[in-house]
Amino acid sequence: MSSDGAFMIDDGENILLWLGQSVSSQFLNGVFGVGSLVEIASDLGSGAIVSTGDDNSLRLVNIIEEIRRERRHYMPLVILPQGHPQENKFFERLVADRTAGTQISYEEFMQRLG
């Protein structure tokens, strides 16, 4: 992972979108309609993605909609900018990549998915 990227995880309960502190302002403007990471409130959820017609925005919306179509229950979008007090929620769910002190086992992860 790099600080200039945006990464998404479907954990079976939520769709988590982690945004690196150096993600481009072009991406932020195209997807969220803002110029900097500071302007994004993590509690905005699915309302945070704007329909600007930007390719990144359209791709992200399509991915989120497809994930939601495949699930029986509605999955909220949780936006976690790098440095956010709750960004660990994202890293705890990196099943293949061990993270110090927060890793659940693969078996526990699969049980959560049902």
N, C-alpha and C. Protein backbone atom coordinates (compact mmCIF):
# COMPACT_ATOMS: atom_id res chain seq x y z
N MET A 1 0.85 -1.18 0.00
CA MET A 1 0.00 0.00 0.00
C MET A 1 0.88 1.23 0.00
N SER A 2 0.37 2.27 -0.61
CA SER A 2 1.14 3.50 -0.66
C SER A 2 0.25 4.68 -0.26
N SER A 3 0.88 5.72 0.25
CA SER A 3 0.12 6.87 0.75
C SER A 3 -0.50 7.71 -0.37
N ASP A 4 -0.19 7.39 -1.62
CA ASP A 4 -0.80 8.14 -2.72
C ASP A 4 -1.94 7.36 -3.37
N GLY A 5 -2.43 6.33 -2.67
CA GLY A 5 -3.47 5.48 -3.24
C GLY A 5 -4.76 5.50 -2.44
N ALA A 6 -5.76 4.84 -3.02
CA ALA A 6 -7.05 4.61 -2.36
C ALA A 6 -7.31 3.11 -2.46
N PHE A 7 -7.67 2.49 -1.35
CA PHE A 7 -7.83 1.05 -1.30
C PHE A 7 -9.15 0.71 -0.63
N MET A 8 -9.83 -0.31 -1.18
CA MET A 8 -11.14 -0.66 -0.68
C MET A 8 -11.16 -2.13 -0.24
N ILE A 9 -11.87 -2.38 0.87
CA ILE A 9 -12.06 -3.74 1.38
C ILE A 9 -13.55 -3.95 1.64
N ASP A 10 -14.04 -5.10 1.21
CA ASP A 10 -15.39 -5.56 1.55
C ASP A 10 -15.19 -6.58 2.66
N ASP A 11 -15.60 -6.25 3.88
CA ASP A 11 -15.39 -7.18 5.00
C ASP A 11 -16.63 -8.00 5.34
N GLY A 12 -17.64 -7.93 4.49
CA GLY A 12 -18.87 -8.67 4.73
C GLY A 12 -19.90 -7.89 5.51
N GLU A 13 -19.48 -6.84 6.18
CA GLU A 13 -20.39 -5.98 6.95
C GLU A 13 -20.37 -4.55 6.45
N ASN A 14 -19.19 -4.10 6.05
CA ASN A 14 -18.99 -2.72 5.58
C ASN A 14 -18.10 -2.74 4.34
N ILE A 15 -18.16 -1.65 3.61
CA ILE A 15 -17.20 -1.41 2.54
C ILE A 15 -16.29 -0.32 3.08
N LEU A 16 -15.03 -0.66 3.29
CA LEU A 16 -14.07 0.28 3.87
C LEU A 16 -13.21 0.86 2.75
N LEU A 17 -13.13 2.17 2.71
CA LEU A 17 -12.31 2.86 1.72
C LEU A 17 -11.24 3.66 2.45
N TRP A 18 -9.99 3.21 2.32
CA TRP A 18 -8.86 3.90 2.95
C TRP A 18 -8.23 4.82 1.93
N LEU A 19 -7.99 6.06 2.32
CA LEU A 19 -7.41 7.06 1.44
C LEU A 19 -6.06 7.50 1.99
N GLY A 20 -5.01 7.31 1.21
CA GLY A 20 -3.68 7.73 1.64
C GLY A 20 -3.56 9.24 1.70
N GLN A 21 -2.69 9.71 2.58
CA GLN A 21 -2.55 11.16 2.79
C GLN A 21 -2.02 11.90 1.57
N SER A 22 -1.42 11.17 0.63
CA SER A 22 -0.89 11.81 -0.57
C SER A 22 -1.71 11.50 -1.82
N VAL A 23 -2.95 11.02 -1.64
CA VAL A 23 -3.80 10.73 -2.79
C VAL A 23 -3.99 12.02 -3.58
N SER A 24 -4.05 11.93 -4.89
CA SER A 24 -4.05 13.14 -5.72
C SER A 24 -5.31 13.99 -5.52
N SER A 25 -5.13 15.28 -5.63
CA SER A 25 -6.27 16.20 -5.52
C SER A 25 -7.22 15.99 -6.69
N GLN A 26 -6.70 15.54 -7.83
CA GLN A 26 -7.55 15.24 -8.99
C GLN A 26 -8.51 14.09 -8.65
N PHE A 27 -8.00 13.05 -7.99
CA PHE A 27 -8.84 11.93 -7.57
C PHE A 27 -9.89 12.41 -6.56
N LEU A 28 -9.45 13.16 -5.56
CA LEU A 28 -10.37 13.65 -4.52
C LEU A 28 -11.46 14.53 -5.12
N ASN A 29 -11.09 15.39 -6.05
CA ASN A 29 -12.07 16.26 -6.68
C ASN A 29 -13.05 15.46 -7.55
N GLY A 30 -12.51 14.51 -8.31
CA GLY A 30 -13.35 13.72 -9.19
C GLY A 30 -14.31 12.79 -8.47
N VAL A 31 -13.88 12.24 -7.34
CA VAL A 31 -14.69 11.26 -6.61
C VAL A 31 -15.54 11.89 -5.52
N PHE A 32 -14.97 12.85 -4.80
CA PHE A 32 -15.66 13.42 -3.64
C PHE A 32 -16.06 14.88 -3.82
N GLY A 33 -15.56 15.52 -4.86
CA GLY A 33 -15.88 16.92 -5.07
C GLY A 33 -15.17 17.85 -4.10
N VAL A 34 -14.02 17.40 -3.57
CA VAL A 34 -13.24 18.21 -2.64
C VAL A 34 -11.80 18.30 -3.15
N GLY A 35 -11.06 19.26 -2.64
CA GLY A 35 -9.69 19.46 -3.10
C GLY A 35 -8.63 18.85 -2.20
N SER A 36 -9.01 18.48 -0.96
CA SER A 36 -8.01 17.91 -0.06
C SER A 36 -8.64 16.87 0.85
N LEU A 37 -7.79 16.03 1.40
CA LEU A 37 -8.24 14.96 2.28
C LEU A 37 -8.90 15.50 3.55
N VAL A 38 -8.47 16.65 4.00
CA VAL A 38 -9.02 17.27 5.21
C VAL A 38 -10.52 17.56 5.06
N GLU A 39 -10.97 17.79 3.84
CA GLU A 39 -12.37 18.14 3.60
C GLU A 39 -13.31 16.94 3.63
N ILE A 40 -12.78 15.75 3.73
CA ILE A 40 -13.62 14.55 3.71
C ILE A 40 -13.97 14.15 5.14
N ALA A 41 -15.25 14.07 5.41
CA ALA A 41 -15.72 13.59 6.71
C ALA A 41 -15.98 12.10 6.58
N SER A 42 -15.39 11.29 7.45
CA SER A 42 -15.51 9.84 7.33
C SER A 42 -16.93 9.35 7.55
N ASP A 43 -17.77 10.15 8.18
CA ASP A 43 -19.14 9.71 8.45
C ASP A 43 -20.09 10.01 7.30
N LEU A 44 -19.59 10.52 6.19
CA LEU A 44 -20.46 10.81 5.06
C LEU A 44 -20.95 9.56 4.36
N GLY A 45 -20.18 8.47 4.45
CA GLY A 45 -20.59 7.22 3.83
C GLY A 45 -20.82 7.33 2.35
N SER A 46 -21.86 6.67 1.87
CA SER A 46 -22.10 6.61 0.43
C SER A 46 -22.44 7.97 -0.17
N GLY A 47 -22.89 8.90 0.65
CA GLY A 47 -23.19 10.24 0.15
C GLY A 47 -21.96 11.03 -0.19
N ALA A 48 -20.79 10.53 0.20
CA ALA A 48 -19.55 11.26 -0.03
C ALA A 48 -19.09 11.19 -1.48
N ILE A 49 -19.49 10.14 -2.19
CA ILE A 49 -19.07 10.00 -3.58
C ILE A 49 -20.05 10.78 -4.44
N VAL A 50 -19.51 11.70 -5.21
CA VAL A 50 -20.37 12.57 -6.02
C VAL A 50 -20.38 12.08 -7.47
N SER A 51 -21.45 12.38 -8.16
CA SER A 51 -21.58 11.99 -9.57
C SER A 51 -21.05 13.12 -10.44
N THR A 52 -19.73 13.14 -10.61
CA THR A 52 -19.11 14.19 -11.42
C THR A 52 -18.92 13.75 -12.86
N GLY A 53 -19.14 12.47 -13.13
CA GLY A 53 -18.87 11.94 -14.46
C GLY A 53 -17.42 11.55 -14.63
N ASP A 54 -16.61 11.77 -13.59
CA ASP A 54 -15.20 11.40 -13.59
C ASP A 54 -15.08 9.88 -13.68
N ASP A 55 -14.11 9.38 -14.46
CA ASP A 55 -13.92 7.94 -14.62
C ASP A 55 -13.71 7.22 -13.29
N ASN A 56 -12.90 7.80 -12.41
CA ASN A 56 -12.66 7.18 -11.10
C ASN A 56 -13.94 7.10 -10.29
N SER A 57 -14.73 8.16 -10.32
CA SER A 57 -15.99 8.19 -9.59
C SER A 57 -16.94 7.12 -10.12
N LEU A 58 -17.07 7.03 -11.43
CA LEU A 58 -17.96 6.04 -12.03
C LEU A 58 -17.52 4.62 -11.71
N ARG A 59 -16.23 4.35 -11.79
CA ARG A 59 -15.72 3.01 -11.48
C ARG A 59 -15.98 2.65 -10.02
N LEU A 60 -15.70 3.59 -9.13
CA LEU A 60 -15.90 3.34 -7.70
C LEU A 60 -17.37 3.10 -7.38
N VAL A 61 -18.24 3.91 -7.93
CA VAL A 61 -19.68 3.74 -7.71
C VAL A 61 -20.14 2.39 -8.25
N ASN A 62 -19.67 2.00 -9.43
CA ASN A 62 -20.04 0.71 -10.01
C ASN A 62 -19.58 -0.46 -9.15
N ILE A 63 -18.37 -0.38 -8.63
CA ILE A 63 -17.86 -1.45 -7.76
C ILE A 63 -18.69 -1.54 -6.49
N ILE A 64 -18.97 -0.41 -5.86
CA ILE A 64 -19.76 -0.40 -4.63
C ILE A 64 -21.16 -0.94 -4.88
N GLU A 65 -21.78 -0.52 -5.96
CA GLU A 65 -23.13 -1.00 -6.28
C GLU A 65 -23.14 -2.50 -6.53
N GLU A 66 -22.13 -3.02 -7.19
CA GLU A 66 -22.06 -4.46 -7.45
C GLU A 66 -21.88 -5.24 -6.15
N ILE A 67 -21.01 -4.76 -5.28
CA ILE A 67 -20.83 -5.41 -3.97
C ILE A 67 -22.16 -5.43 -3.22
N ARG A 68 -22.86 -4.32 -3.22
CA ARG A 68 -24.13 -4.24 -2.50
C ARG A 68 -25.19 -5.14 -3.12
N ARG A 69 -25.18 -5.29 -4.43
CA ARG A 69 -26.14 -6.18 -5.10
C ARG A 69 -25.93 -7.63 -4.70
N GLU A 70 -24.68 -8.00 -4.47
CA GLU A 70 -24.35 -9.39 -4.14
C GLU A 70 -24.65 -9.75 -2.69
N ARG A 71 -24.90 -8.80 -1.85
CA ARG A 71 -25.14 -9.05 -0.43
C ARG A 71 -26.62 -9.01 -0.11
N ARG A 72 -27.00 -9.74 0.93
CA ARG A 72 -28.40 -9.75 1.36
C ARG A 72 -28.77 -8.49 2.12
N HIS A 73 -27.80 -7.90 2.76
CA HIS A 73 -28.05 -6.70 3.56
C HIS A 73 -27.25 -5.53 2.98
N TYR A 74 -27.73 -4.34 3.28
CA TYR A 74 -27.07 -3.12 2.81
C TYR A 74 -25.73 -2.97 3.52
N MET A 75 -24.69 -2.69 2.76
CA MET A 75 -23.36 -2.51 3.33
C MET A 75 -22.97 -1.04 3.26
N PRO A 76 -22.85 -0.40 4.43
CA PRO A 76 -22.46 1.01 4.42
C PRO A 76 -21.01 1.20 3.96
N LEU A 77 -20.77 2.36 3.38
CA LEU A 77 -19.43 2.74 2.97
C LEU A 77 -18.81 3.54 4.11
N VAL A 78 -17.64 3.10 4.57
CA VAL A 78 -16.92 3.79 5.64
C VAL A 78 -15.63 4.34 5.04
N ILE A 79 -15.47 5.64 5.08
CA ILE A 79 -14.29 6.28 4.51
C ILE A 79 -13.29 6.55 5.64
N LEU A 80 -12.07 6.04 5.45
CA LEU A 80 -11.04 6.15 6.48
C LEU A 80 -9.79 6.80 5.90
N PRO A 81 -9.68 8.12 6.01
CA PRO A 81 -8.46 8.79 5.55
C PRO A 81 -7.26 8.37 6.40
N GLN A 82 -6.09 8.32 5.80
CA GLN A 82 -4.87 7.99 6.54
C GLN A 82 -4.72 8.96 7.70
N GLY A 83 -4.43 8.42 8.87
CA GLY A 83 -4.28 9.23 10.07
C GLY A 83 -5.55 9.37 10.87
N HIS A 84 -6.68 8.92 10.33
CA HIS A 84 -7.96 8.97 11.05
C HIS A 84 -7.86 8.07 12.28
N PRO A 85 -8.45 8.48 13.41
CA PRO A 85 -8.36 7.67 14.63
C PRO A 85 -8.85 6.23 14.46
N GLN A 86 -9.73 5.99 13.50
CA GLN A 86 -10.26 4.64 13.32
C GLN A 86 -9.72 3.93 12.08
N GLU A 87 -8.62 4.43 11.51
CA GLU A 87 -8.10 3.79 10.30
C GLU A 87 -7.65 2.36 10.55
N ASN A 88 -7.44 2.00 11.80
CA ASN A 88 -7.05 0.63 12.12
C ASN A 88 -8.13 -0.37 11.72
N LYS A 89 -9.40 0.09 11.63
CA LYS A 89 -10.48 -0.78 11.16
C LYS A 89 -10.13 -1.38 9.81
N PHE A 90 -9.48 -0.60 8.98
CA PHE A 90 -9.08 -1.06 7.65
C PHE A 90 -7.97 -2.11 7.76
N PHE A 91 -6.92 -1.77 8.50
CA PHE A 91 -5.75 -2.65 8.57
C PHE A 91 -6.04 -3.95 9.30
N GLU A 92 -6.99 -3.94 10.22
CA GLU A 92 -7.37 -5.17 10.91
C GLU A 92 -7.96 -6.20 9.96
N ARG A 93 -8.45 -5.75 8.83
CA ARG A 93 -9.12 -6.64 7.89
C ARG A 93 -8.23 -7.12 6.75
N LEU A 94 -6.97 -6.77 6.80
CA LEU A 94 -6.03 -7.27 5.79
C LEU A 94 -5.65 -8.70 6.18
N VAL A 95 -6.42 -9.65 5.70
CA VAL A 95 -6.29 -11.03 6.11
C VAL A 95 -4.96 -11.64 5.68
N ALA A 96 -4.56 -11.42 4.46
CA ALA A 96 -3.33 -12.02 3.96
C ALA A 96 -2.09 -11.30 4.46
N ASP A 97 -2.23 -10.05 4.83
CA ASP A 97 -1.11 -9.24 5.30
C ASP A 97 -1.20 -9.07 6.80
N ARG A 98 -0.29 -9.68 7.52
CA ARG A 98 -0.32 -9.59 8.98
C ARG A 98 -0.03 -8.15 9.43
N THR A 99 -0.80 -7.72 10.43
CA THR A 99 -0.58 -6.41 11.02
C THR A 99 -0.41 -6.61 12.52
N ALA A 100 0.56 -5.97 13.10
CA ALA A 100 0.92 -6.19 14.49
C ALA A 100 -0.24 -5.94 15.45
N GLY A 101 -0.56 -6.96 16.24
CA GLY A 101 -1.52 -6.80 17.32
C GLY A 101 -2.97 -6.69 16.93
N THR A 102 -3.30 -6.71 15.66
CA THR A 102 -4.70 -6.52 15.28
C THR A 102 -5.24 -7.63 14.39
N GLN A 103 -4.40 -8.57 14.01
CA GLN A 103 -4.78 -9.57 13.02
C GLN A 103 -5.71 -10.63 13.59
N ILE A 104 -6.82 -10.87 12.90
CA ILE A 104 -7.65 -12.02 13.21
C ILE A 104 -7.21 -13.14 12.28
N SER A 105 -7.53 -14.37 12.65
CA SER A 105 -7.13 -15.48 11.79
C SER A 105 -8.01 -15.53 10.55
N TYR A 106 -7.52 -16.22 9.54
CA TYR A 106 -8.30 -16.37 8.30
C TYR A 106 -9.60 -17.10 8.59
N GLU A 107 -9.55 -18.10 9.46
CA GLU A 107 -10.76 -18.85 9.83
C GLU A 107 -11.79 -17.93 10.48
N GLU A 108 -11.35 -17.06 11.39
CA GLU A 108 -12.27 -16.11 12.03
C GLU A 108 -12.86 -15.15 11.00
N PHE A 109 -12.05 -14.73 10.05
CA PHE A 109 -12.53 -13.86 8.99
C PHE A 109 -13.62 -14.54 8.18
N MET A 110 -13.39 -15.78 7.79
CA MET A 110 -14.37 -16.52 7.00
C MET A 110 -15.66 -16.75 7.79
N GLN A 111 -15.56 -16.97 9.09
CA GLN A 111 -16.75 -17.14 9.92
C GLN A 111 -17.57 -15.86 9.96
N ARG A 112 -16.91 -14.72 9.97
CA ARG A 112 -17.63 -13.44 9.96
C ARG A 112 -18.43 -13.25 8.68
N LEU A 113 -17.89 -13.78 7.59
CA LEU A 113 -18.58 -13.66 6.31
C LEU A 113 -19.78 -14.59 6.23
N GLY A 114 -19.79 -15.61 7.06
CA GLY A 114 -20.93 -16.54 7.11
C GLY A 114 -20.76 -17.60 6.12
